[in-house]
């Protein structure tokens, strides 16, 4: 679906946004990944926009971060 460059960008954004989220917080991590993928699918592939989407998703995510 995405080329290798975009896939690497998405992974880097996800890793940065979730750097302080435990790997066991699967609900939060899944929510963030889903929102980042949704944004990219809709054509939002700028680094800053994807980070913003990821941070917003993390804030909304069901987790201990609230």
Protein backbone atom coordinates (compact mmCIF):
# COMPACT_ATOMS: atom_id res chain seq x y z
CA UNK A 1 0.00 0.00 0.00
CA UNK A 2 2.79 2.46 0.91
CA UNK A 3 6.24 2.68 -0.63
CA UNK A 4 9.28 1.88 1.50
CA UNK A 5 10.07 5.54 2.19
CA UNK A 6 6.58 6.27 3.45
CA UNK A 7 6.54 3.07 5.49
CA UNK A 8 9.82 4.08 7.14
CA UNK A 9 8.39 7.54 7.88
CA UNK A 10 5.26 6.07 9.45
CA UNK A 11 7.34 3.73 11.60
CA UNK A 12 9.63 6.56 12.72
CA UNK A 13 6.66 8.76 13.66
CA UNK A 14 5.00 5.91 15.55
CA UNK A 15 8.22 5.11 17.42
CA UNK A 16 8.72 8.76 18.38
CA UNK A 17 5.14 9.34 19.51
CA UNK A 18 5.09 6.09 21.51
CA UNK A 19 8.63 6.26 22.90
CA UNK A 20 7.34 6.61 26.48
CA UNK A 21 4.46 4.15 26.07
CA UNK A 22 5.02 0.63 27.35
CA UNK A 23 4.88 -2.13 24.76
CA UNK A 24 2.21 -3.65 27.01
CA UNK A 25 -0.08 -0.66 26.44
CA UNK A 26 -1.42 -2.33 23.31
CA UNK A 27 -4.68 -0.37 23.27
CA UNK A 28 -2.92 2.97 23.20
CA UNK A 29 -0.28 1.84 20.71
CA UNK A 30 -2.90 0.33 18.40
CA UNK A 31 -4.97 3.51 18.53
CA UNK A 32 -1.96 5.67 17.64
CA UNK A 33 -0.91 3.36 14.80
CA UNK A 34 -4.44 3.31 13.43
CA UNK A 35 -4.73 7.09 13.40
CA UNK A 36 -1.32 7.56 11.79
CA UNK A 37 -2.17 5.02 9.08
CA UNK A 38 -5.56 6.63 8.52
CA UNK A 39 -3.95 10.06 8.05
CA UNK A 40 -1.37 8.67 5.62
CA UNK A 41 -4.05 6.82 3.66
CA UNK A 42 -5.90 10.12 3.32
CA UNK A 43 -2.79 11.76 1.89
CA UNK A 44 -1.38 13.36 5.04
CA UNK A 45 2.25 12.29 4.76
CA UNK A 46 4.16 15.29 6.05
CA UNK A 47 6.34 14.53 9.05
CA UNK A 48 4.90 17.29 11.23
CA UNK A 49 1.28 16.48 10.41
CA UNK A 50 1.77 12.79 11.16
CA UNK A 51 3.42 13.62 14.48
CA UNK A 52 0.50 15.89 15.34
CA UNK A 53 -2.01 13.17 14.46
CA UNK A 54 -0.05 10.65 16.52
CA UNK A 55 0.16 12.92 19.56
CA UNK A 56 -3.57 13.68 19.38
CA UNK A 57 -4.32 9.98 19.11
CA UNK A 58 -2.13 9.23 22.11
CA UNK A 59 -4.00 11.83 24.12
CA UNK A 60 -7.33 10.19 23.15
CA UNK A 61 -6.11 6.63 23.63
CA UNK A 62 -7.43 4.38 26.38
CA UNK A 63 -4.43 4.14 28.66
CA UNK A 64 -2.75 5.28 31.81
CA UNK A 65 -1.59 8.46 30.07
CA UNK A 66 -4.72 10.43 30.90
